[in-house]
Amino acid sequence: MSELKTLENEMDARDEPHRLLKEDPYSGGRAPGKKPTMTTGGQPAFFSCWDIHAYYGESYIVQGVSFDVREGEIVALLGRNGAGKTSTLRSIARVDNPALKHGEIWLDHKPLHEMKAYHAAQHGIGLVPEDRRIIQGLTVEENLQLAQIAPPHGWSIERIYDLFPRLGERRKQEGTTLSGGEQQMLAIGRTLSRDVKLLLLDEPYEGLAPVIVQEIEKTLEQIKALGMTTIIVEQNAIAALHLADRAIILDMGQVVFDGKSQAVLDDADLRQQYLAI
């Protein structure tokens, strides 16, 4: 996907009823949001982003987003096209675009906001990008081996083949000649081959046939059962909500809802207002 399309397509509430965050608690036009919960030691939650603001050039995309993720939790980050979902995910992963201009991002007590993308990856960020970025000219196995060329290592290649038997069958095939669904499996497998603390999935179902979507869903259910902390951005909101523990909805680069996934599934008016479903 081009940068232009990326631009366009863009707490804890377990024990509380869902809520819409409509009022701006910040001065100076800052976006609404609740400061993430701190642990008893005064440290951030397992993952937290606090009042992050990010830009593509002069275009103000992420406008004061704040939320927490507990260890082992799966969060669906939802919203209409252009709401800022992918931009928020990319900001967390510390890629160059969009540029993070304000705010803090913490993972396992480490300040990601002070890091470049490669350094964030070394500290446990695992981004599966929407365009998958399979390396041309390399086989399936070589793509996986390249991801493990330097520590920290995660899953073994054989364990990845156990999760994705089709990749094992095609280990000597060039990665870019795989089907769309198989390339998505390879992109996920390549990320798992690193020592991932927070898995970031950007549109894992996009462009896939329904039968392949079901296969990817089963895989993500297995990953969920392993307790891997995950943030998923997905236009197929219903599928993401069934997978996730919590939902965060963005609108115009701001958090407008943070609560249980089931609350969104049960609220047709909320879905129509912010997700058009």
Protein backbone atom coordinates (compact mmCIF):
# COMPACT_ATOMS: atom_id res chain seq x y z
CA MET A 1 0.00 0.00 0.00
CA SER A 2 1.34 3.46 -0.87
CA GLU A 3 2.04 6.10 1.74
CA LEU A 4 -0.96 8.03 0.41
CA LYS A 5 -3.29 5.08 0.96
CA THR A 6 -1.80 4.53 4.40
CA LEU A 7 -2.56 8.15 5.21
CA GLU A 8 -6.13 7.88 3.96
CA ASN A 9 -6.87 4.51 5.57
CA GLU A 10 -6.18 5.16 8.53
CA MET A 11 -7.70 2.30 30.79
CA ASP A 12 -8.51 -0.57 31.00
CA ALA A 13 -12.30 -0.99 31.00
CA ARG A 14 -12.69 -4.63 32.00
CA ASP A 15 -14.66 -3.86 35.14
CA GLU A 16 -16.56 -0.84 33.89
CA PRO A 17 -19.37 -0.44 31.36
CA HIS A 18 -18.29 0.82 27.97
CA ARG A 19 -18.25 4.56 27.49
CA LEU A 20 -17.87 7.15 24.77
CA LEU A 21 -15.13 9.66 25.39
CA LYS A 22 -16.67 12.85 24.04
CA GLU A 23 -15.33 15.65 26.19
CA ASP A 24 -11.87 17.09 25.75
CA PRO A 25 -10.06 16.94 29.13
CA TYR A 26 -6.97 18.63 27.73
CA SER A 27 -6.38 22.32 27.13
CA GLY A 28 -5.13 23.59 23.81
CA GLY A 29 -7.35 21.32 21.71
CA ARG A 30 -5.71 18.08 22.76
CA ALA A 31 -7.61 14.90 21.94
CA PRO A 32 -9.75 13.09 24.51
CA GLY A 33 -8.31 10.13 26.33
CA LYS A 34 -7.81 8.58 29.72
CA LYS A 35 -4.33 8.45 31.19
CA PRO A 36 -3.31 4.78 31.34
CA THR A 37 -3.51 2.95 34.64
CA MET A 38 -0.29 2.59 36.62
CA THR A 39 0.78 -0.54 38.42
CA THR A 40 1.23 -0.62 42.18
CA GLY A 41 4.91 0.22 41.82
CA GLY A 42 4.12 3.40 39.95
CA GLN A 43 5.30 1.87 36.68
CA PRO A 44 3.38 1.90 33.40
CA ALA A 45 1.15 -1.01 32.39
CA PHE A 46 2.70 -3.75 30.20
CA PHE A 47 2.03 -1.52 27.21
CA SER A 48 0.91 2.11 27.34
CA CYS A 49 0.77 5.01 24.97
CA TRP A 50 0.17 8.39 26.55
CA ASP A 51 -1.12 11.36 24.57
CA ILE A 52 0.69 10.54 21.32
CA HIS A 53 0.56 12.98 18.41
CA ALA A 54 1.94 12.07 14.99
CA TYR A 55 2.19 13.74 11.58
CA TYR A 56 2.74 12.88 7.91
CA GLY A 57 4.57 16.04 6.93
CA GLU A 58 2.20 18.80 8.04
CA SER A 59 -0.84 16.49 8.10
CA TYR A 60 -1.90 15.96 11.72
CA ILE A 61 -3.10 12.33 11.88
CA VAL A 62 -2.77 10.92 15.42
CA GLN A 63 -4.25 13.51 17.76
CA GLY A 64 -3.62 12.63 21.40
CA VAL A 65 -4.22 8.88 21.53
CA SER A 66 -3.87 7.20 24.95
CA PHE A 67 -4.56 3.60 25.98
CA ASP A 68 -3.16 0.62 27.90
CA VAL A 69 -2.82 -3.04 27.04
CA ARG A 70 -2.45 -5.69 29.72
CA GLU A 71 -0.01 -8.54 29.24
CA GLY A 72 -1.72 -11.35 27.32
CA GLU A 73 -4.58 -9.11 26.19
CA ILE A 74 -5.76 -8.72 22.59
CA VAL A 75 -7.01 -5.27 21.63
CA ALA A 76 -8.85 -4.44 18.41
CA LEU A 77 -8.02 -0.92 17.20
CA LEU A 78 -10.97 0.06 15.01
CA GLY A 79 -12.43 2.98 13.09
CA ARG A 80 -13.51 4.10 9.66
CA ASN A 81 -11.02 4.62 6.82
CA GLY A 82 -8.83 7.59 7.67
CA ALA A 83 -9.48 7.39 11.42
CA GLY A 84 -5.77 6.98 12.21
CA LYS A 85 -5.60 3.25 12.97
CA THR A 86 -2.60 2.32 10.84
CA SER A 87 -0.84 5.57 11.72
CA THR A 88 -1.23 4.79 15.43
CA LEU A 89 0.14 1.28 14.88
CA ARG A 90 3.11 2.64 12.91
CA SER A 91 3.76 5.23 15.62
CA ILE A 92 3.90 2.44 18.20
CA ALA A 93 6.33 0.49 16.00
CA ARG A 94 8.49 3.67 15.76
CA VAL A 95 8.73 3.68 11.97
CA ASP A 96 9.77 6.99 10.41
CA ASN A 97 6.33 7.85 9.05
CA PRO A 98 4.27 9.19 10.65
CA ALA A 99 6.63 11.27 12.76
CA LEU A 100 5.88 11.12 16.48
CA LYS A 101 5.98 14.71 17.73
CA HIS A 102 4.61 14.36 21.26
CA GLY A 103 3.72 11.69 23.82
CA GLU A 104 5.16 8.58 25.40
CA ILE A 105 5.05 4.90 24.42
CA TRP A 106 6.06 2.24 26.96
CA LEU A 107 6.47 -1.52 26.60
CA ASP A 108 7.44 -3.63 29.61
CA HIS A 109 8.78 -0.46 31.32
CA LYS A 110 10.94 0.49 28.31
CA PRO A 111 10.46 3.93 26.65
CA LEU A 112 9.78 3.11 22.99
CA HIS A 113 9.21 6.79 22.22
CA GLU A 114 12.95 7.33 22.65
CA MET A 115 13.82 4.55 20.16
CA LYS A 116 14.15 4.05 16.43
CA ALA A 117 12.21 1.20 14.78
CA TYR A 118 15.09 -1.30 14.85
CA HIS A 119 15.69 -0.61 18.55
CA ALA A 120 11.97 -0.99 19.34
CA ALA A 121 12.02 -4.33 17.50
CA GLN A 122 14.95 -5.46 19.64
CA HIS A 123 12.85 -4.64 22.72
CA GLY A 124 9.90 -6.76 21.61
CA ILE A 125 7.80 -4.86 19.05
CA GLY A 126 6.70 -7.14 16.22
CA LEU A 127 4.90 -5.39 13.35
CA VAL A 128 3.16 -7.40 10.62
CA PRO A 129 2.61 -4.65 8.02
CA GLU A 130 -0.39 -4.49 5.76
CA ASP A 131 1.74 -4.94 2.62
CA ARG A 132 3.55 -7.94 4.20
CA ARG A 133 6.96 -6.96 2.72
CA ILE A 134 8.09 -10.43 1.72
CA ILE A 135 11.64 -10.16 0.37
CA GLN A 136 11.84 -10.86 -3.35
CA GLY A 137 14.33 -13.51 -4.47
CA LEU A 138 14.34 -15.34 -1.13
CA THR A 139 12.58 -18.61 -0.39
CA VAL A 140 10.09 -19.03 2.42
CA GLU A 141 12.78 -20.51 4.63
CA GLU A 142 15.31 -17.85 3.75
CA ASN A 143 12.82 -15.12 4.69
CA LEU A 144 12.46 -16.78 8.10
CA GLN A 145 16.20 -17.32 8.51
CA LEU A 146 16.94 -13.70 7.67
CA ALA A 147 14.61 -12.57 10.46
CA GLN A 148 16.74 -14.59 12.89
CA ILE A 149 20.10 -13.36 11.67
CA ALA A 150 20.58 -11.41 14.91
CA PRO A 151 19.20 -11.92 18.42
CA PRO A 152 16.82 -11.87 20.19
CA HIS A 153 15.30 -14.98 18.62
CA GLY A 154 11.72 -16.14 19.08
CA TRP A 155 10.02 -19.21 17.68
CA SER A 156 12.10 -21.82 15.89
CA ILE A 157 11.47 -22.28 12.17
CA GLU A 158 10.09 -25.76 12.81
CA ARG A 159 7.61 -24.37 15.33
CA ILE A 160 6.47 -21.85 12.72
CA TYR A 161 5.98 -24.71 10.26
CA ASP A 162 3.90 -26.49 12.89
CA LEU A 163 1.67 -23.41 13.11
CA PHE A 164 1.60 -22.97 9.32
CA PRO A 165 2.02 -26.42 7.71
CA ARG A 166 1.58 -24.87 4.27
CA LEU A 167 4.76 -22.87 4.77
CA GLY A 168 6.62 -26.05 5.59
CA GLU A 169 5.37 -27.60 2.36
CA ARG A 170 6.60 -24.56 0.41
CA ARG A 171 9.82 -23.87 2.32
CA LYS A 172 11.92 -23.91 -0.87
CA GLN A 173 9.49 -21.77 -2.89
CA GLU A 174 10.20 -18.09 -3.46
CA GLY A 175 8.20 -16.12 -0.92
CA THR A 176 6.76 -13.57 -3.35
CA THR A 177 5.23 -16.35 -5.50
CA LEU A 178 3.00 -17.56 -2.66
CA SER A 179 -0.72 -16.82 -2.62
CA GLY A 180 -1.92 -13.79 -0.66
CA GLY A 181 -2.98 -15.95 2.27
CA GLU A 182 0.31 -17.81 2.31
CA GLN A 183 2.25 -14.55 2.20
CA GLN A 184 0.24 -13.38 5.21
CA MET A 185 1.19 -16.59 7.02
CA LEU A 186 4.84 -15.98 6.14
CA ALA A 187 4.66 -12.37 7.36
CA ILE A 188 3.20 -13.50 10.69
CA GLY A 189 5.66 -16.39 10.96
CA ARG A 190 8.61 -14.11 10.21
CA THR A 191 7.53 -11.78 13.03
CA LEU A 192 7.09 -14.66 15.48
CA SER A 193 10.63 -15.80 14.70
CA ARG A 194 11.74 -12.76 16.70
CA ASP A 195 11.33 -12.46 20.48
CA VAL A 196 8.02 -10.59 20.36
CA LYS A 197 6.42 -9.02 23.42
CA LEU A 198 3.77 -7.02 21.54
CA LEU A 199 2.41 -8.28 18.21
CA LEU A 200 1.03 -5.56 15.93
CA LEU A 201 -1.20 -6.84 13.12
CA ASP A 202 -2.14 -4.37 10.40
CA GLU A 203 -5.12 -5.55 8.30
CA PRO A 204 -4.28 -9.28 8.41
CA TYR A 205 -7.46 -10.22 6.51
CA GLU A 206 -7.27 -7.62 3.75
CA GLY A 207 -7.62 -8.94 0.22
CA LEU A 208 -8.00 -12.58 1.29
CA ALA A 209 -10.70 -15.01 0.21
CA PRO A 210 -13.21 -15.89 2.96
CA VAL A 211 -11.86 -19.43 3.28
CA ILE A 212 -8.33 -18.06 3.81
CA VAL A 213 -9.62 -15.50 6.30
CA GLN A 214 -11.06 -18.38 8.32
CA GLU A 215 -7.67 -20.10 8.25
CA ILE A 216 -5.87 -16.96 9.43
CA GLU A 217 -8.54 -16.53 12.15
CA LYS A 218 -7.81 -20.03 13.45
CA THR A 219 -4.12 -19.19 13.56
CA LEU A 220 -4.76 -15.99 15.49
CA GLU A 221 -6.94 -17.95 17.92
CA GLN A 222 -3.96 -20.24 18.53
CA ILE A 223 -1.71 -17.24 19.11
CA LYS A 224 -4.33 -15.82 21.49
CA ALA A 225 -4.39 -19.11 23.42
CA LEU A 226 -0.63 -18.75 23.92
CA GLY A 227 -1.21 -15.43 25.70
CA MET A 228 0.65 -13.23 23.24
CA THR A 229 -0.14 -9.54 23.78
CA THR A 230 -1.59 -8.23 20.52
CA ILE A 231 -3.03 -5.11 18.90
CA ILE A 232 -4.97 -5.78 15.71
CA VAL A 233 -6.07 -3.17 13.17
CA GLU A 234 -8.72 -4.60 10.87
CA GLN A 235 -11.47 -3.24 8.62
CA ASN A 236 -13.36 -6.50 9.16
CA ALA A 237 -14.42 -5.17 12.54
CA ILE A 238 -16.78 -8.01 13.44
CA ALA A 239 -14.05 -10.61 12.97
CA ALA A 240 -11.60 -8.52 15.01
CA LEU A 241 -14.15 -7.99 17.80
CA HIS A 242 -14.80 -11.73 18.10
CA LEU A 243 -11.05 -12.29 18.50
CA ALA A 244 -10.25 -9.39 20.84
CA ASP A 245 -10.77 -8.89 24.56
CA ARG A 246 -11.11 -5.12 24.23
CA ALA A 247 -11.92 -2.60 21.54
CA ILE A 248 -10.58 0.89 21.04
CA ILE A 249 -12.33 3.00 18.41
CA LEU A 250 -10.66 5.96 16.77
CA ASP A 251 -12.35 8.83 14.98
CA MET A 252 -10.42 11.70 13.39
CA GLY A 253 -7.25 10.52 15.12
CA GLN A 254 -8.78 10.49 18.60
CA VAL A 255 -10.06 7.78 20.95
CA VAL A 256 -13.85 7.87 21.14
CA PHE A 257 -14.43 4.48 22.78
CA ASP A 258 -12.40 2.15 25.00
CA GLY A 259 -14.20 -0.87 26.41
CA LYS A 260 -15.05 -4.52 26.07
CA SER A 261 -15.35 -5.98 22.57
CA GLN A 262 -18.70 -7.51 23.44
CA ALA A 263 -20.04 -4.05 24.26
CA VAL A 264 -19.38 -2.98 20.66
CA LEU A 265 -20.95 -6.15 19.29
CA ASP A 266 -24.05 -5.47 21.41
CA ASP A 267 -24.38 -1.77 20.48
CA ALA A 268 -25.67 -1.34 16.93
CA ASP A 269 -25.86 2.45 17.23
CA LEU A 270 -22.22 2.67 18.27
CA ARG A 271 -21.13 0.44 15.39
CA GLN A 272 -23.12 2.46 12.89
CA GLN A 273 -21.82 5.78 14.17
CA TYR A 274 -18.13 4.95 14.18
CA LEU A 275 -17.68 1.79 12.10
CA ALA A 276 -20.56 2.06 9.59
CA ILE A 277 -21.57 -1.57 10.21
